[in-house]
Amino acid sequence: MKKAMEEPNIVETYKFGNSTVHIASNFFVSTPEAKQRVLNEMHAIGWLIEEKRARQEVASSRECRL
């Protein structure tokens, strides 16, 4: 059974283009291992986004040549 997720305590909100980032004070990582896990996940997600963007750019480039 899944635990009910705790309600976030939003302390800051930032807008970056079409994205909104909320900073919740009760969701900060508290150990070096947890911090590294979060950084690794962010790094992996960033690469997935970049790979998708690059594939779309290549596909668009190919369409322009036809």
Protein backbone atom coordinates (compact mmCIF):
# COMPACT_ATOMS: atom_id res chain seq x y z
CA MET A 1 0.00 0.00 0.00
CA LYS A 2 1.31 3.47 -0.91
CA LYS A 3 1.70 6.13 1.74
CA ALA A 4 -0.33 9.29 1.31
CA MET A 5 1.98 12.01 0.10
CA GLU A 6 2.56 14.85 2.54
CA GLU A 7 1.17 18.23 1.49
CA PRO A 8 4.06 20.47 0.36
CA ASN A 9 4.87 23.63 2.28
CA ILE A 10 5.59 25.99 -0.65
CA VAL A 11 8.09 28.67 0.40
CA GLU A 12 9.21 29.98 -3.02
CA THR A 13 7.82 29.93 -6.55
CA TYR A 14 9.82 30.67 -9.71
CA LYS A 15 8.78 31.04 -13.36
CA PHE A 16 11.14 29.97 -16.15
CA GLY A 17 9.47 30.50 -19.53
CA ASN A 18 6.44 28.20 -19.56
CA SER A 19 7.60 26.29 -16.46
CA THR A 20 6.77 26.96 -12.82
CA VAL A 21 9.02 25.66 -10.03
CA HIS A 22 7.73 25.46 -6.47
CA ILE A 23 10.19 25.10 -3.58
CA ALA A 24 8.73 23.13 -0.68
CA SER A 25 10.55 23.42 2.66
CA ASN A 26 9.38 20.01 3.82
CA PHE A 27 10.76 18.17 0.77
CA PHE A 28 14.45 19.11 1.11
CA VAL A 29 16.83 16.16 1.12
CA SER A 30 18.66 15.70 4.41
CA THR A 31 21.51 13.28 3.69
CA PRO A 32 24.41 13.35 1.22
CA GLU A 33 23.14 10.10 -0.31
CA ALA A 34 19.66 11.53 -0.89
CA LYS A 35 21.18 14.69 -2.38
CA GLN A 36 23.31 12.64 -4.78
CA ARG A 37 20.28 10.53 -5.78
CA VAL A 38 18.32 13.71 -6.62
CA LEU A 39 21.25 15.13 -8.61
CA ASN A 40 21.63 11.85 -10.53
CA GLU A 41 17.91 11.81 -11.36
CA MET A 42 18.02 15.44 -12.54
CA HIS A 43 21.07 14.70 -14.68
CA ALA A 44 19.40 11.67 -16.29
CA ILE A 45 16.20 13.62 -16.99
CA GLY A 46 18.20 16.49 -18.50
CA TRP A 47 19.92 14.09 -20.91
CA LEU A 48 16.57 12.55 -21.91
CA ILE A 49 15.23 16.02 -22.70
CA GLU A 50 18.36 16.93 -24.70
CA GLU A 51 18.29 13.66 -26.66
CA LYS A 52 14.61 14.22 -27.55
CA ARG A 53 15.37 17.79 -28.66
CA ALA A 54 18.28 16.60 -30.80
CA ARG A 55 16.15 13.89 -32.48
CA GLN A 56 13.45 16.46 -33.25
CA GLU A 57 16.05 18.83 -34.69
CA VAL A 58 17.47 16.08 -36.94
CA ALA A 59 13.97 15.10 -38.10
CA SER A 60 13.13 18.73 -38.84
CA SER A 61 16.40 19.16 -40.73
CA ARG A 62 15.64 16.10 -42.87
CA GLU A 63 12.17 17.43 -43.71
CA CYS A 64 13.64 20.74 -44.86
CA ARG A 65 15.94 18.98 -47.32
CA LEU A 66 13.09 17.12 -49.04
